[in-house]
mmCIF file of all heavy atoms, coordinates in Angstrom:
data_MODEL
# 
_entry.id   MODEL 
# 
loop_
_atom_site.group_PDB 
_atom_site.id 
_atom_site.type_symbol 
_atom_site.label_atom_id 
_atom_site.label_alt_id 
_atom_site.label_comp_id 
_atom_site.label_asym_id 
_atom_site.label_entity_id 
_atom_site.label_seq_id 
_atom_site.pdbx_PDB_ins_code 
_atom_site.Cartn_x 
_atom_site.Cartn_y 
_atom_site.Cartn_z 
_atom_site.occupancy 
_atom_site.B_iso_or_equiv 
_atom_site.pdbx_formal_charge 
_atom_site.auth_seq_id 
_atom_site.auth_comp_id 
_atom_site.auth_asym_id 
_atom_site.auth_atom_id 
_atom_site.pdbx_PDB_model_num 
ATOM 1   N N   . GLY A 1 1  ? -2.878 5.116   -40.033 1.00 0.00 ? 1  GLY A N   1 
ATOM 2   C CA  . GLY A 1 1  ? -1.482 4.999   -39.677 1.00 0.00 ? 1  GLY A CA  1 
ATOM 3   C C   . GLY A 1 1  ? -0.555 4.853   -40.872 1.00 0.00 ? 1  GLY A C   1 
ATOM 4   O O   . GLY A 1 1  ? -1.019 4.237   -41.911 1.00 0.00 ? 1  GLY A O   1 
ATOM 5   N N   . SER A 1 2  ? 0.556  5.411   -40.874 1.00 0.00 ? 2  SER A N   1 
ATOM 6   C CA  . SER A 1 2  ? 1.521  5.404   -41.997 1.00 0.00 ? 2  SER A CA  1 
ATOM 7   C C   . SER A 1 2  ? 1.739  3.890   -42.575 1.00 0.00 ? 2  SER A C   1 
ATOM 8   O O   . SER A 1 2  ? 1.754  3.582   -43.717 1.00 0.00 ? 2  SER A O   1 
ATOM 9   C CB  . SER A 1 2  ? 2.821  6.064   -41.666 1.00 0.00 ? 2  SER A CB  1 
ATOM 10  O OG  . SER A 1 2  ? 2.597  7.408   -41.360 1.00 0.00 ? 2  SER A OG  1 
ATOM 11  N N   . VAL A 1 3  ? 1.995  3.036   -41.590 1.00 0.00 ? 3  VAL A N   1 
ATOM 12  C CA  . VAL A 1 3  ? 2.342  1.635   -42.030 1.00 0.00 ? 3  VAL A CA  1 
ATOM 13  C C   . VAL A 1 3  ? 1.123  0.965   -42.845 1.00 0.00 ? 3  VAL A C   1 
ATOM 14  O O   . VAL A 1 3  ? 1.345  0.256   -43.700 1.00 0.00 ? 3  VAL A O   1 
ATOM 15  C CB  . VAL A 1 3  ? 2.732  0.725   -40.876 1.00 0.00 ? 3  VAL A CB  1 
ATOM 16  C CG1 . VAL A 1 3  ? 4.097  1.238   -40.258 1.00 0.00 ? 3  VAL A CG1 1 
ATOM 17  C CG2 . VAL A 1 3  ? 1.605  0.621   -39.769 1.00 0.00 ? 3  VAL A CG2 1 
ATOM 18  N N   . PHE A 1 4  ? -0.074 1.418   -42.487 1.00 0.00 ? 4  PHE A N   1 
ATOM 19  C CA  . PHE A 1 4  ? -1.212 0.921   -43.165 1.00 0.00 ? 4  PHE A CA  1 
ATOM 20  C C   . PHE A 1 4  ? -1.235 1.370   -44.557 1.00 0.00 ? 4  PHE A C   1 
ATOM 21  O O   . PHE A 1 4  ? -1.444 0.656   -45.483 1.00 0.00 ? 4  PHE A O   1 
ATOM 22  C CB  . PHE A 1 4  ? -2.564 1.267   -42.415 1.00 0.00 ? 4  PHE A CB  1 
ATOM 23  C CG  . PHE A 1 4  ? -3.787 0.971   -43.181 1.00 0.00 ? 4  PHE A CG  1 
ATOM 24  C CD1 . PHE A 1 4  ? -4.134 -0.334  -43.452 1.00 0.00 ? 4  PHE A CD1 1 
ATOM 25  C CD2 . PHE A 1 4  ? -4.653 1.962   -43.647 1.00 0.00 ? 4  PHE A CD2 1 
ATOM 26  C CE1 . PHE A 1 4  ? -5.361 -0.653  -44.196 1.00 0.00 ? 4  PHE A CE1 1 
ATOM 27  C CE2 . PHE A 1 4  ? -5.775 1.700   -44.385 1.00 0.00 ? 4  PHE A CE2 1 
ATOM 28  C CZ  . PHE A 1 4  ? -6.090 0.402   -44.649 1.00 0.00 ? 4  PHE A CZ  1 
ATOM 29  N N   . TYR A 1 5  ? -1.173 2.657   -44.734 1.00 0.00 ? 5  TYR A N   1 
ATOM 30  C CA  . TYR A 1 5  ? -1.121 3.293   -46.107 1.00 0.00 ? 5  TYR A CA  1 
ATOM 31  C C   . TYR A 1 5  ? 0.086  2.814   -46.898 1.00 0.00 ? 5  TYR A C   1 
ATOM 32  O O   . TYR A 1 5  ? -0.024 2.638   -48.139 1.00 0.00 ? 5  TYR A O   1 
ATOM 33  C CB  . TYR A 1 5  ? -1.283 4.780   -45.975 1.00 0.00 ? 5  TYR A CB  1 
ATOM 34  C CG  . TYR A 1 5  ? -2.529 5.190   -45.469 1.00 0.00 ? 5  TYR A CG  1 
ATOM 35  C CD1 . TYR A 1 5  ? -2.707 5.861   -44.132 1.00 0.00 ? 5  TYR A CD1 1 
ATOM 36  C CD2 . TYR A 1 5  ? -3.781 5.002   -46.110 1.00 0.00 ? 5  TYR A CD2 1 
ATOM 37  C CE1 . TYR A 1 5  ? -3.868 6.132   -43.536 1.00 0.00 ? 5  TYR A CE1 1 
ATOM 38  C CE2 . TYR A 1 5  ? -5.022 5.310   -45.549 1.00 0.00 ? 5  TYR A CE2 1 
ATOM 39  C CZ  . TYR A 1 5  ? -5.158 5.807   -44.289 1.00 0.00 ? 5  TYR A CZ  1 
ATOM 40  O OH  . TYR A 1 5  ? -6.315 6.169   -43.755 1.00 0.00 ? 5  TYR A OH  1 
ATOM 41  N N   . GLN A 1 6  ? 1.250  2.670   -46.301 1.00 0.00 ? 6  GLN A N   1 
ATOM 42  C CA  . GLN A 1 6  ? 2.456  2.186   -47.002 1.00 0.00 ? 6  GLN A CA  1 
ATOM 43  C C   . GLN A 1 6  ? 2.149  0.895   -47.523 1.00 0.00 ? 6  GLN A C   1 
ATOM 44  O O   . GLN A 1 6  ? 2.503  0.471   -48.642 1.00 0.00 ? 6  GLN A O   1 
ATOM 45  C CB  . GLN A 1 6  ? 3.618  2.286   -46.092 1.00 0.00 ? 6  GLN A CB  1 
ATOM 46  C CG  . GLN A 1 6  ? 4.145  3.613   -45.795 1.00 0.00 ? 6  GLN A CG  1 
ATOM 47  C CD  . GLN A 1 6  ? 5.047  3.781   -44.616 1.00 0.00 ? 6  GLN A CD  1 
ATOM 48  O OE1 . GLN A 1 6  ? 5.366  2.743   -44.018 1.00 0.00 ? 6  GLN A OE1 1 
ATOM 49  N NE2 . GLN A 1 6  ? 5.301  5.026   -44.195 1.00 0.00 ? 6  GLN A NE2 1 
ATOM 50  N N   . SER A 1 7  ? 1.647  -0.008  -46.649 1.00 0.00 ? 7  SER A N   1 
ATOM 51  C CA  . SER A 1 7  ? 1.312  -1.439  -47.109 1.00 0.00 ? 7  SER A CA  1 
ATOM 52  C C   . SER A 1 7  ? 0.329  -1.459  -48.248 1.00 0.00 ? 7  SER A C   1 
ATOM 53  O O   . SER A 1 7  ? 0.433  -2.262  -49.128 1.00 0.00 ? 7  SER A O   1 
ATOM 54  C CB  . SER A 1 7  ? 0.754  -2.168  -45.918 1.00 0.00 ? 7  SER A CB  1 
ATOM 55  O OG  . SER A 1 7  ? 0.540  -3.501  -46.292 1.00 0.00 ? 7  SER A OG  1 
ATOM 56  N N   . LYS A 1 8  ? -0.711 -0.594  -48.263 1.00 0.00 ? 8  LYS A N   1 
ATOM 57  C CA  . LYS A 1 8  ? -1.653 -0.530  -49.351 1.00 0.00 ? 8  LYS A CA  1 
ATOM 58  C C   . LYS A 1 8  ? -0.895 -0.156  -50.617 1.00 0.00 ? 8  LYS A C   1 
ATOM 59  O O   . LYS A 1 8  ? -1.192 -0.757  -51.681 1.00 0.00 ? 8  LYS A O   1 
ATOM 60  C CB  . LYS A 1 8  ? -2.674 0.566   -49.043 1.00 0.00 ? 8  LYS A CB  1 
ATOM 61  C CG  . LYS A 1 8  ? -3.811 0.097   -48.095 1.00 0.00 ? 8  LYS A CG  1 
ATOM 62  C CD  . LYS A 1 8  ? -4.751 -0.771  -48.700 1.00 0.00 ? 8  LYS A CD  1 
ATOM 63  C CE  . LYS A 1 8  ? -6.016 -1.060  -47.910 1.00 0.00 ? 8  LYS A CE  1 
ATOM 64  N NZ  . LYS A 1 8  ? -6.924 -1.989  -48.535 1.00 0.00 ? 8  LYS A NZ  1 
ATOM 65  N N   . ALA A 1 9  ? -0.052 0.816   -50.565 1.00 0.00 ? 9  ALA A N   1 
ATOM 66  C CA  . ALA A 1 9  ? 0.609  1.350   -51.700 1.00 0.00 ? 9  ALA A CA  1 
ATOM 67  C C   . ALA A 1 9  ? 1.606  0.310   -52.217 1.00 0.00 ? 9  ALA A C   1 
ATOM 68  O O   . ALA A 1 9  ? 1.715  -0.026  -53.475 1.00 0.00 ? 9  ALA A O   1 
ATOM 69  C CB  . ALA A 1 9  ? 1.381  2.659   -51.390 1.00 0.00 ? 9  ALA A CB  1 
ATOM 70  N N   . LEU A 1 10 ? 2.312  -0.383  -51.343 1.00 0.00 ? 10 LEU A N   1 
ATOM 71  C CA  . LEU A 1 10 ? 3.310  -1.430  -51.762 1.00 0.00 ? 10 LEU A CA  1 
ATOM 72  C C   . LEU A 1 10 ? 2.589  -2.607  -52.406 1.00 0.00 ? 10 LEU A C   1 
ATOM 73  O O   . LEU A 1 10 ? 3.101  -3.270  -53.366 1.00 0.00 ? 10 LEU A O   1 
ATOM 74  C CB  . LEU A 1 10 ? 4.192  -1.869  -50.615 1.00 0.00 ? 10 LEU A CB  1 
ATOM 75  C CG  . LEU A 1 10 ? 5.133  -0.773  -50.107 1.00 0.00 ? 10 LEU A CG  1 
ATOM 76  C CD1 . LEU A 1 10 ? 5.764  -1.192  -48.738 1.00 0.00 ? 10 LEU A CD1 1 
ATOM 77  C CD2 . LEU A 1 10 ? 6.248  -0.467  -51.070 1.00 0.00 ? 10 LEU A CD2 1 
ATOM 78  N N   . HIS A 1 11 ? 1.405  -2.911  -51.818 1.00 0.00 ? 11 HIS A N   1 
ATOM 79  C CA  . HIS A 1 11 ? 0.633  -3.951  -52.475 1.00 0.00 ? 11 HIS A CA  1 
ATOM 80  C C   . HIS A 1 11 ? 0.171  -3.629  -53.861 1.00 0.00 ? 11 HIS A C   1 
ATOM 81  O O   . HIS A 1 11 ? 0.254  -4.478  -54.789 1.00 0.00 ? 11 HIS A O   1 
ATOM 82  C CB  . HIS A 1 11 ? -0.661 -4.309  -51.539 1.00 0.00 ? 11 HIS A CB  1 
ATOM 83  C CG  . HIS A 1 11 ? -1.510 -5.271  -52.116 1.00 0.00 ? 11 HIS A CG  1 
ATOM 84  N ND1 . HIS A 1 11 ? -1.349 -6.580  -52.021 1.00 0.00 ? 11 HIS A ND1 1 
ATOM 85  C CD2 . HIS A 1 11 ? -2.708 -5.072  -52.780 1.00 0.00 ? 11 HIS A CD2 1 
ATOM 86  C CE1 . HIS A 1 11 ? -2.226 -7.298  -52.570 1.00 0.00 ? 11 HIS A CE1 1 
ATOM 87  N NE2 . HIS A 1 11 ? -3.175 -6.464  -53.007 1.00 0.00 ? 11 HIS A NE2 1 
ATOM 88  N N   . LEU A 1 12 ? -0.218 -2.355  -54.042 1.00 0.00 ? 12 LEU A N   1 
ATOM 89  C CA  . LEU A 1 12 ? -0.689 -1.999  -55.404 1.00 0.00 ? 12 LEU A CA  1 
ATOM 90  C C   . LEU A 1 12 ? 0.310  -2.065  -56.483 1.00 0.00 ? 12 LEU A C   1 
ATOM 91  O O   . LEU A 1 12 ? 0.024  -2.292  -57.660 1.00 0.00 ? 12 LEU A O   1 
ATOM 92  C CB  . LEU A 1 12 ? -1.246 -0.558  -55.294 1.00 0.00 ? 12 LEU A CB  1 
ATOM 93  C CG  . LEU A 1 12 ? -2.728 -0.442  -54.651 1.00 0.00 ? 12 LEU A CG  1 
ATOM 94  C CD1 . LEU A 1 12 ? -3.015 1.023   -54.419 1.00 0.00 ? 12 LEU A CD1 1 
ATOM 95  C CD2 . LEU A 1 12 ? -3.760 -1.085  -55.541 1.00 0.00 ? 12 LEU A CD2 1 
ATOM 96  N N   . ILE A 1 13 ? 1.627  -1.806  -56.063 1.00 0.00 ? 13 ILE A N   1 
ATOM 97  C CA  . ILE A 1 13 ? 2.710  -1.845  -57.043 1.00 0.00 ? 13 ILE A CA  1 
ATOM 98  C C   . ILE A 1 13 ? 3.479  -3.127  -56.990 1.00 0.00 ? 13 ILE A C   1 
ATOM 99  O O   . ILE A 1 13 ? 4.582  -3.200  -57.372 1.00 0.00 ? 13 ILE A O   1 
ATOM 100 C CB  . ILE A 1 13 ? 3.609  -0.593  -56.861 1.00 0.00 ? 13 ILE A CB  1 
ATOM 101 C CG1 . ILE A 1 13 ? 4.357  -0.607  -55.506 1.00 0.00 ? 13 ILE A CG1 1 
ATOM 102 C CG2 . ILE A 1 13 ? 2.955  0.661   -57.162 1.00 0.00 ? 13 ILE A CG2 1 
ATOM 103 C CD1 . ILE A 1 13 ? 5.387  0.427   -55.331 1.00 0.00 ? 13 ILE A CD1 1 
ATOM 104 N N   . ASN A 1 14 ? 2.805  -4.150  -56.378 1.00 0.00 ? 14 ASN A N   1 
ATOM 105 C CA  . ASN A 1 14 ? 3.353  -5.552  -56.247 1.00 0.00 ? 14 ASN A CA  1 
ATOM 106 C C   . ASN A 1 14 ? 4.784  -5.580  -55.755 1.00 0.00 ? 14 ASN A C   1 
ATOM 107 O O   . ASN A 1 14 ? 5.598  -6.282  -56.290 1.00 0.00 ? 14 ASN A O   1 
ATOM 108 C CB  . ASN A 1 14 ? 3.336  -6.103  -57.726 1.00 0.00 ? 14 ASN A CB  1 
ATOM 109 C CG  . ASN A 1 14 ? 1.935  -6.270  -58.225 1.00 0.00 ? 14 ASN A CG  1 
ATOM 110 O OD1 . ASN A 1 14 ? 1.003  -6.774  -57.527 1.00 0.00 ? 14 ASN A OD1 1 
ATOM 111 N ND2 . ASN A 1 14 ? 1.725  -5.821  -59.497 1.00 0.00 ? 14 ASN A ND2 1 
ATOM 112 N N   . THR A 1 15 ? 5.049  -4.846  -54.654 1.00 0.00 ? 15 THR A N   1 
ATOM 113 C CA  . THR A 1 15 ? 6.378  -4.892  -54.049 1.00 0.00 ? 15 THR A CA  1 
ATOM 114 C C   . THR A 1 15 ? 6.316  -5.709  -52.729 1.00 0.00 ? 15 THR A C   1 
ATOM 115 O O   . THR A 1 15 ? 5.520  -5.440  -51.868 1.00 0.00 ? 15 THR A O   1 
ATOM 116 C CB  . THR A 1 15 ? 6.744  -3.394  -53.653 1.00 0.00 ? 15 THR A CB  1 
ATOM 117 O OG1 . THR A 1 15 ? 6.824  -2.625  -54.849 1.00 0.00 ? 15 THR A OG1 1 
ATOM 118 C CG2 . THR A 1 15 ? 8.080  -3.391  -52.931 1.00 0.00 ? 15 THR A CG2 1 
ATOM 119 N N   . PRO A 1 16 ? 7.148  -6.764  -52.661 1.00 0.00 ? 16 PRO A N   1 
ATOM 120 C CA  . PRO A 1 16 ? 7.075  -7.573  -51.507 1.00 0.00 ? 16 PRO A CA  1 
ATOM 121 C C   . PRO A 1 16 ? 7.515  -6.799  -50.317 1.00 0.00 ? 16 PRO A C   1 
ATOM 122 O O   . PRO A 1 16 ? 8.506  -6.012  -50.259 1.00 0.00 ? 16 PRO A O   1 
ATOM 123 C CB  . PRO A 1 16 ? 8.120  -8.674  -51.816 1.00 0.00 ? 16 PRO A CB  1 
ATOM 124 C CG  . PRO A 1 16 ? 8.329  -8.621  -53.285 1.00 0.00 ? 16 PRO A CG  1 
ATOM 125 C CD  . PRO A 1 16 ? 8.100  -7.211  -53.652 1.00 0.00 ? 16 PRO A CD  1 
ATOM 126 N N   . HIS A 1 17 ? 6.757  -7.001  -49.145 1.00 0.00 ? 17 HIS A N   1 
ATOM 127 C CA  . HIS A 1 17 ? 7.041  -6.233  -48.029 1.00 0.00 ? 17 HIS A CA  1 
ATOM 128 C C   . HIS A 1 17 ? 6.322  -6.941  -46.775 1.00 0.00 ? 17 HIS A C   1 
ATOM 129 O O   . HIS A 1 17 ? 5.422  -7.727  -46.974 1.00 0.00 ? 17 HIS A O   1 
ATOM 130 C CB  . HIS A 1 17 ? 6.453  -4.840  -48.100 1.00 0.00 ? 17 HIS A CB  1 
ATOM 131 C CG  . HIS A 1 17 ? 4.923  -4.699  -48.120 1.00 0.00 ? 17 HIS A CG  1 
ATOM 132 N ND1 . HIS A 1 17 ? 4.165  -5.135  -49.254 1.00 0.00 ? 17 HIS A ND1 1 
ATOM 133 C CD2 . HIS A 1 17 ? 3.971  -4.493  -47.152 1.00 0.00 ? 17 HIS A CD2 1 
ATOM 134 C CE1 . HIS A 1 17 ? 2.937  -5.010  -49.049 1.00 0.00 ? 17 HIS A CE1 1 
ATOM 135 N NE2 . HIS A 1 17 ? 2.722  -4.623  -47.755 1.00 0.00 ? 17 HIS A NE2 1 
ATOM 136 N N   . ASP A 1 18 ? 6.853  -6.604  -45.557 1.00 0.00 ? 18 ASP A N   1 
ATOM 137 C CA  . ASP A 1 18 ? 6.321  -7.015  -44.375 1.00 0.00 ? 18 ASP A CA  1 
ATOM 138 C C   . ASP A 1 18 ? 6.059  -5.844  -43.456 1.00 0.00 ? 18 ASP A C   1 
ATOM 139 O O   . ASP A 1 18 ? 6.796  -4.791  -43.646 1.00 0.00 ? 18 ASP A O   1 
ATOM 140 C CB  . ASP A 1 18 ? 7.154  -8.015  -43.577 1.00 0.00 ? 18 ASP A CB  1 
ATOM 141 C CG  . ASP A 1 18 ? 7.230  -9.331  -44.303 1.00 0.00 ? 18 ASP A CG  1 
ATOM 142 O OD1 . ASP A 1 18 ? 6.304  -9.691  -44.998 1.00 0.00 ? 18 ASP A OD1 1 
ATOM 143 O OD2 . ASP A 1 18 ? 8.319  -10.048 -44.315 1.00 0.00 ? 18 ASP A OD2 1 
ATOM 144 N N   . VAL A 1 19 ? 5.182  -5.995  -42.472 1.00 0.00 ? 19 VAL A N   1 
ATOM 145 C CA  . VAL A 1 19 ? 4.759  -4.816  -41.634 1.00 0.00 ? 19 VAL A CA  1 
ATOM 146 C C   . VAL A 1 19 ? 4.990  -5.196  -40.236 1.00 0.00 ? 19 VAL A C   1 
ATOM 147 O O   . VAL A 1 19 ? 4.514  -6.394  -39.791 1.00 0.00 ? 19 VAL A O   1 
ATOM 148 C CB  . VAL A 1 19 ? 3.300  -4.471  -41.814 1.00 0.00 ? 19 VAL A CB  1 
ATOM 149 C CG1 . VAL A 1 19 ? 2.932  -3.262  -41.006 1.00 0.00 ? 19 VAL A CG1 1 
ATOM 150 C CG2 . VAL A 1 19 ? 3.033  -4.130  -43.303 1.00 0.00 ? 19 VAL A CG2 1 
ATOM 151 N N   . VAL A 1 20 ? 5.674  -4.373  -39.446 1.00 0.00 ? 20 VAL A N   1 
ATOM 152 C CA  . VAL A 1 20 ? 5.641  -4.528  -37.991 1.00 0.00 ? 20 VAL A CA  1 
ATOM 153 C C   . VAL A 1 20 ? 4.899  -3.471  -37.399 1.00 0.00 ? 20 VAL A C   1 
ATOM 154 O O   . VAL A 1 20 ? 5.147  -2.206  -37.670 1.00 0.00 ? 20 VAL A O   1 
ATOM 155 C CB  . VAL A 1 20 ? 7.096  -4.458  -37.461 1.00 0.00 ? 20 VAL A CB  1 
ATOM 156 C CG1 . VAL A 1 20 ? 7.163  -4.537  -35.896 1.00 0.00 ? 20 VAL A CG1 1 
ATOM 157 C CG2 . VAL A 1 20 ? 7.943  -5.622  -38.037 1.00 0.00 ? 20 VAL A CG2 1 
ATOM 158 N N   . LEU A 1 21 ? 3.873  -3.758  -36.520 1.00 0.00 ? 21 LEU A N   1 
ATOM 159 C CA  . LEU A 1 21 ? 3.028  -2.633  -36.041 1.00 0.00 ? 21 LEU A CA  1 
ATOM 160 C C   . LEU A 1 21 ? 2.613  -2.878  -34.550 1.00 0.00 ? 21 LEU A C   1 
ATOM 161 O O   . LEU A 1 21 ? 2.731  -4.034  -34.139 1.00 0.00 ? 21 LEU A O   1 
ATOM 162 C CB  . LEU A 1 21 ? 1.840  -2.455  -36.854 1.00 0.00 ? 21 LEU A CB  1 
ATOM 163 C CG  . LEU A 1 21 ? 0.914  -3.707  -37.129 1.00 0.00 ? 21 LEU A CG  1 
ATOM 164 C CD1 . LEU A 1 21 ? -0.102 -3.975  -35.997 1.00 0.00 ? 21 LEU A CD1 1 
ATOM 165 C CD2 . LEU A 1 21 ? 0.125  -3.612  -38.421 1.00 0.00 ? 21 LEU A CD2 1 
ATOM 166 N N   . THR A 1 22 ? 2.260  -1.807  -33.924 1.00 0.00 ? 22 THR A N   1 
ATOM 167 C CA  . THR A 1 22 ? 1.707  -1.933  -32.520 1.00 0.00 ? 22 THR A CA  1 
ATOM 168 C C   . THR A 1 22 ? 0.253  -1.774  -32.575 1.00 0.00 ? 22 THR A C   1 
ATOM 169 O O   . THR A 1 22 ? -0.370 -0.982  -33.324 1.00 0.00 ? 22 THR A O   1 
ATOM 170 C CB  . THR A 1 22 ? 2.303  -0.795  -31.627 1.00 0.00 ? 22 THR A CB  1 
ATOM 171 O OG1 . THR A 1 22 ? 2.114  0.490   -32.170 1.00 0.00 ? 22 THR A OG1 1 
ATOM 172 C CG2 . THR A 1 22 ? 3.844  -0.972  -31.370 1.00 0.00 ? 22 THR A CG2 1 
ATOM 173 N N   . ILE A 1 23 ? -0.455 -2.566  -31.697 1.00 0.00 ? 23 ILE A N   1 
ATOM 174 C CA  . ILE A 1 23 ? -1.848 -2.583  -31.636 1.00 0.00 ? 23 ILE A CA  1 
ATOM 175 C C   . ILE A 1 23 ? -2.361 -3.230  -30.361 1.00 0.00 ? 23 ILE A C   1 
ATOM 176 O O   . ILE A 1 23 ? -1.594 -4.170  -29.875 1.00 0.00 ? 23 ILE A O   1 
ATOM 177 C CB  . ILE A 1 23 ? -2.533 -3.279  -32.966 1.00 0.00 ? 23 ILE A CB  1 
ATOM 178 C CG1 . ILE A 1 23 ? -4.045 -3.072  -33.014 1.00 0.00 ? 23 ILE A CG1 1 
ATOM 179 C CG2 . ILE A 1 23 ? -2.107 -4.817  -32.855 1.00 0.00 ? 23 ILE A CG2 1 
ATOM 180 C CD1 . ILE A 1 23 ? -4.636 -3.630  -34.346 1.00 0.00 ? 23 ILE A CD1 1 
ATOM 181 N N   . ALA A 1 24 ? -3.493 -2.836  -29.773 1.00 0.00 ? 24 ALA A N   1 
ATOM 182 C CA  . ALA A 1 24 ? -4.021 -3.435  -28.697 1.00 0.00 ? 24 ALA A CA  1 
ATOM 183 C C   . ALA A 1 24 ? -4.891 -4.661  -29.081 1.00 0.00 ? 24 ALA A C   1 
ATOM 184 O O   . ALA A 1 24 ? -5.432 -4.710  -30.171 1.00 0.00 ? 24 ALA A O   1 
ATOM 185 C CB  . ALA A 1 24 ? -4.912 -2.491  -27.855 1.00 0.00 ? 24 ALA A CB  1 
# 
């Protein structure tokens, strides 16, 4: 999912972020 890969990338460049996602 895009939010997963975005979070990975933002973590690697030390950018503060939060994720809102849907999951069962």
